[in-house]
Amino acid sequence: MKKIIIFIMTGLMIAALTGCATTSVTRTATDEVIDLSGRWNDSDARLTAEVLISDVLSRPWLLNFVEEEGAKPVVIIGSLRNKSSEHIDLLPLVKSFEMELINSGKVRFVADKEARAEVRDEKTDQQSNASEDTATRLADETGADFMLQGVITTTTDAIDGKKVVLYQTNMELVNLHTNEISWLGGHQIKKVVEQSKAGW
């Protein structure tokens, strides 16, 4: 009987301690680099986009195009593939690329395939439902001159609860008129991650 009472009391104490758990939230600057797990995160996406877009916009292809065509080039984001060893949500990186390109004022930018499909549906709907003088014309889109595409890979070295992960983002700018590669760029992020016990 005494053992049963001790067992019940122990269970009640564990339940009470578990029920007293609290949550603490601290706000921080959105541009502050915080690494908790050592995995790819929002800071990596932002920094990678800043470095690569700054590089691509400073290269000769841009000035050459403006001098030859007398206008800013039109750019579109193509495929960005994740060939790394972990799951990476590529949308924040793609959106960071778009933001850096558009806000630079040095190029014109057109929406990606998915966004264009939605816009085309709206235009088609307008042909039947909007007044003739306000309906957006079909086949009146701006074509892209260049496509930016790339891949993310990782190289990992690990031993005794410590690992080094190198994230390599390689991008290329393809001239859509000639299929020539007008620019190649890369950015690396290296992280040293230590755990108290080996987990990989």
Protein backbone atom coordinates (compact mmCIF):
# COMPACT_ATOMS: atom_id res chain seq x y z
CA MET A 1 0.00 0.00 0.00
CA LYS A 2 2.84 2.35 0.88
CA LYS A 3 4.46 1.70 -2.53
CA ILE A 4 1.21 2.55 -4.30
CA ILE A 5 0.92 5.86 -2.42
CA ILE A 6 4.55 6.75 -3.27
CA PHE A 7 3.95 5.84 -6.90
CA ILE A 8 0.80 8.03 -7.05
CA MET A 9 2.55 10.94 -5.31
CA THR A 10 5.49 10.72 -7.72
CA GLY A 11 3.14 10.76 -10.69
CA LEU A 12 1.30 13.79 -9.31
CA MET A 13 4.58 15.65 -8.78
CA ILE A 14 5.73 14.94 -12.35
CA ALA A 15 2.35 16.08 -13.70
CA ALA A 16 2.52 19.27 -11.62
CA LEU A 17 6.04 20.10 -12.77
CA THR A 18 5.12 19.45 -16.40
CA GLY A 19 2.04 21.62 -16.10
CA CYS A 20 4.10 24.53 -14.78
CA ALA A 21 6.19 24.81 -17.94
CA THR A 22 6.30 28.37 -19.31
CA THR A 23 7.04 29.91 -22.68
CA SER A 24 9.42 32.82 -23.06
CA VAL A 25 9.47 35.03 -26.16
CA THR A 26 12.12 37.63 -26.94
CA ARG A 27 11.85 39.95 -29.92
CA THR A 28 14.96 40.58 -31.95
CA ALA A 29 16.00 42.55 -35.03
CA THR A 30 14.97 40.78 -38.23
CA ASP A 31 18.45 41.25 -39.72
CA GLU A 32 20.21 39.71 -36.72
CA VAL A 33 21.92 36.43 -37.56
CA ILE A 34 20.68 33.68 -35.20
CA ASP A 35 21.74 30.07 -35.60
CA LEU A 36 19.99 27.55 -33.36
CA SER A 37 20.15 24.25 -35.24
CA GLY A 38 23.02 25.03 -37.60
CA ARG A 39 20.75 24.42 -40.59
CA TRP A 40 20.10 26.83 -43.48
CA ASN A 41 17.88 29.68 -42.26
CA ASP A 42 16.38 33.05 -43.18
CA SER A 43 19.66 34.90 -42.51
CA ASP A 44 21.48 32.62 -44.95
CA ALA A 45 18.85 33.31 -47.64
CA ARG A 46 19.01 37.07 -47.15
CA LEU A 47 22.82 37.27 -47.09
CA THR A 48 23.17 34.98 -50.11
CA ALA A 49 20.74 37.07 -52.16
CA GLU A 50 22.46 40.33 -51.20
CA VAL A 51 25.91 39.06 -52.18
CA LEU A 52 24.91 37.37 -55.45
CA ILE A 53 22.61 40.11 -56.75
CA SER A 54 25.19 42.77 -55.90
CA ASP A 55 27.72 40.77 -57.90
CA VAL A 56 25.54 40.08 -60.95
CA LEU A 57 24.51 43.74 -61.22
CA SER A 58 28.13 44.93 -61.15
CA ARG A 59 29.32 42.79 -64.08
CA PRO A 60 29.89 43.83 -67.74
CA TRP A 61 26.80 42.08 -69.19
CA LEU A 62 24.53 44.78 -67.77
CA LEU A 63 26.39 47.77 -69.19
CA ASN A 64 26.88 45.95 -72.52
CA PHE A 65 23.15 45.28 -72.83
CA VAL A 66 22.18 48.87 -72.00
CA GLU A 67 24.68 50.24 -74.52
CA GLU A 68 23.54 47.86 -77.27
CA GLU A 69 19.78 47.99 -76.67
CA GLY A 70 19.35 51.43 -75.12
CA ALA A 71 17.13 49.99 -72.39
CA LYS A 72 17.29 48.08 -69.13
CA PRO A 73 17.32 44.29 -69.50
CA VAL A 74 14.26 42.31 -68.44
CA VAL A 75 15.09 39.53 -65.97
CA ILE A 76 13.12 36.54 -64.70
CA ILE A 77 13.89 34.00 -61.97
CA GLY A 78 14.01 30.45 -63.32
CA SER A 79 14.55 27.21 -61.44
CA LEU A 80 16.44 27.12 -58.16
CA ARG A 81 17.24 23.53 -57.20
CA ASN A 82 18.04 22.15 -53.78
CA LYS A 83 20.74 19.50 -54.13
CA SER A 84 21.86 19.86 -50.51
CA SER A 85 21.73 17.20 -47.80
CA GLU A 86 18.82 18.86 -45.99
CA HIS A 87 15.36 20.21 -46.71
CA ILE A 88 15.58 23.90 -47.63
CA ASP A 89 12.53 26.06 -48.26
CA LEU A 90 13.69 27.93 -51.36
CA LEU A 91 10.86 30.48 -51.44
CA PRO A 92 12.54 32.96 -49.03
CA LEU A 93 15.70 32.85 -51.16
CA VAL A 94 13.77 33.35 -54.41
CA LYS A 95 11.83 36.26 -52.91
CA SER A 96 15.08 37.79 -51.64
CA PHE A 97 16.53 37.55 -55.17
CA GLU A 98 13.42 39.23 -56.59
CA MET A 99 13.49 42.00 -54.01
CA GLU A 100 17.19 42.77 -54.56
CA LEU A 101 16.76 42.83 -58.36
CA ILE A 102 13.64 44.99 -58.40
CA ASN A 103 14.83 47.45 -55.76
CA SER A 104 18.17 47.93 -57.53
CA GLY A 105 16.42 49.89 -60.30
CA LYS A 106 19.01 48.55 -62.75
CA VAL A 107 16.83 45.92 -64.43
CA ARG A 108 13.18 45.34 -65.25
CA PHE A 109 11.63 42.24 -63.74
CA VAL A 110 8.81 39.95 -64.87
CA ALA A 111 6.79 37.55 -62.76
CA ASP A 112 7.54 33.84 -62.63
CA LYS A 113 5.58 31.12 -64.44
CA GLU A 114 3.06 30.54 -61.63
CA ALA A 115 2.31 34.24 -61.17
CA ARG A 116 1.98 34.74 -64.93
CA ALA A 117 -0.57 31.92 -65.14
CA GLU A 118 -2.73 33.63 -62.51
CA VAL A 119 -2.43 36.97 -64.31
CA ARG A 120 -3.37 35.37 -67.63
CA ASP A 121 -6.49 33.86 -66.03
CA GLU A 122 -7.47 37.32 -64.84
CA LYS A 123 -6.88 38.84 -68.28
CA THR A 124 -8.99 36.13 -69.91
CA ASP A 125 -11.78 36.78 -67.41
CA GLN A 126 -11.62 40.51 -68.18
CA GLN A 127 -12.27 39.87 -71.88
CA SER A 128 -15.76 38.69 -71.00
CA ASN A 129 -16.57 40.71 -67.90
CA ALA A 130 -14.74 44.06 -68.02
CA SER A 131 -15.65 47.02 -70.20
CA GLU A 132 -13.80 47.22 -73.49
CA ASP A 133 -11.88 50.37 -72.56
CA THR A 134 -10.66 48.98 -69.19
CA ALA A 135 -9.94 45.33 -70.08
CA THR A 136 -6.25 44.46 -70.24
CA ARG A 137 -5.23 43.26 -73.70
CA LEU A 138 -4.13 39.67 -74.23
CA ALA A 139 -0.71 38.91 -75.78
CA ASP A 140 0.65 42.20 -74.45
CA GLU A 141 3.25 40.85 -72.03
CA THR A 142 6.88 41.87 -71.66
CA GLY A 143 9.26 39.06 -72.56
CA ALA A 144 12.38 38.41 -70.49
CA ASP A 145 15.88 38.91 -71.90
CA PHE A 146 17.69 36.98 -69.16
CA MET A 147 16.89 34.14 -66.77
CA LEU A 148 18.59 33.71 -63.40
CA GLN A 149 18.80 30.11 -62.22
CA GLY A 150 20.90 28.04 -59.87
CA VAL A 151 21.47 25.28 -57.35
CA ILE A 152 22.29 24.89 -53.65
CA THR A 153 24.62 22.07 -52.57
CA THR A 154 26.23 21.09 -49.27
CA THR A 155 29.49 19.44 -48.24
CA THR A 156 29.55 17.99 -44.72
CA ASP A 157 32.47 16.77 -42.63
CA ALA A 158 31.65 15.28 -39.22
CA ILE A 159 33.37 13.50 -36.34
CA ASP A 160 32.66 12.98 -32.62
CA GLY A 161 29.67 15.28 -32.24
CA LYS A 162 31.17 18.07 -34.33
CA LYS A 163 30.49 18.84 -37.96
CA VAL A 164 31.34 21.45 -40.57
CA VAL A 165 28.74 22.20 -43.22
CA LEU A 166 29.55 24.20 -46.34
CA TYR A 167 26.54 25.60 -48.21
CA GLN A 168 27.41 26.45 -51.81
CA THR A 169 24.95 28.48 -53.89
CA ASN A 170 25.85 28.64 -57.60
CA MET A 171 23.88 30.90 -59.91
CA GLU A 172 24.00 31.64 -63.63
CA LEU A 173 22.41 34.27 -65.83
CA VAL A 174 21.30 32.93 -69.21
CA ASN A 175 20.66 35.14 -72.22
CA LEU A 176 17.28 33.91 -73.47
CA HIS A 177 17.88 35.21 -77.01
CA THR A 178 21.18 33.36 -77.53
CA ASN A 179 21.31 30.75 -74.70
CA GLU A 180 24.70 32.19 -73.75
CA ILE A 181 25.68 32.27 -70.08
CA SER A 182 26.26 35.96 -69.36
CA TRP A 183 27.30 35.62 -65.71
CA LEU A 184 28.30 32.94 -63.22
CA GLY A 185 28.36 33.57 -59.50
CA GLY A 186 28.71 31.66 -56.28
CA HIS A 187 28.40 32.24 -52.56
CA GLN A 188 29.54 30.03 -49.68
CA ILE A 189 28.40 29.83 -46.07
CA LYS A 190 30.36 27.60 -43.70
CA LYS A 191 29.02 26.55 -40.30
CA VAL A 192 30.66 24.65 -37.44
CA VAL A 193 28.06 22.80 -35.40
CA GLU A 194 28.84 21.05 -32.11
CA GLN A 195 26.56 18.79 -30.07
CA SER A 196 27.15 17.39 -26.61
CA LYS A 197 26.74 13.88 -27.96
CA ALA A 198 27.14 12.54 -31.47
CA GLY A 199 23.83 12.78 -33.34
CA TRP A 200 25.00 12.28 -36.88
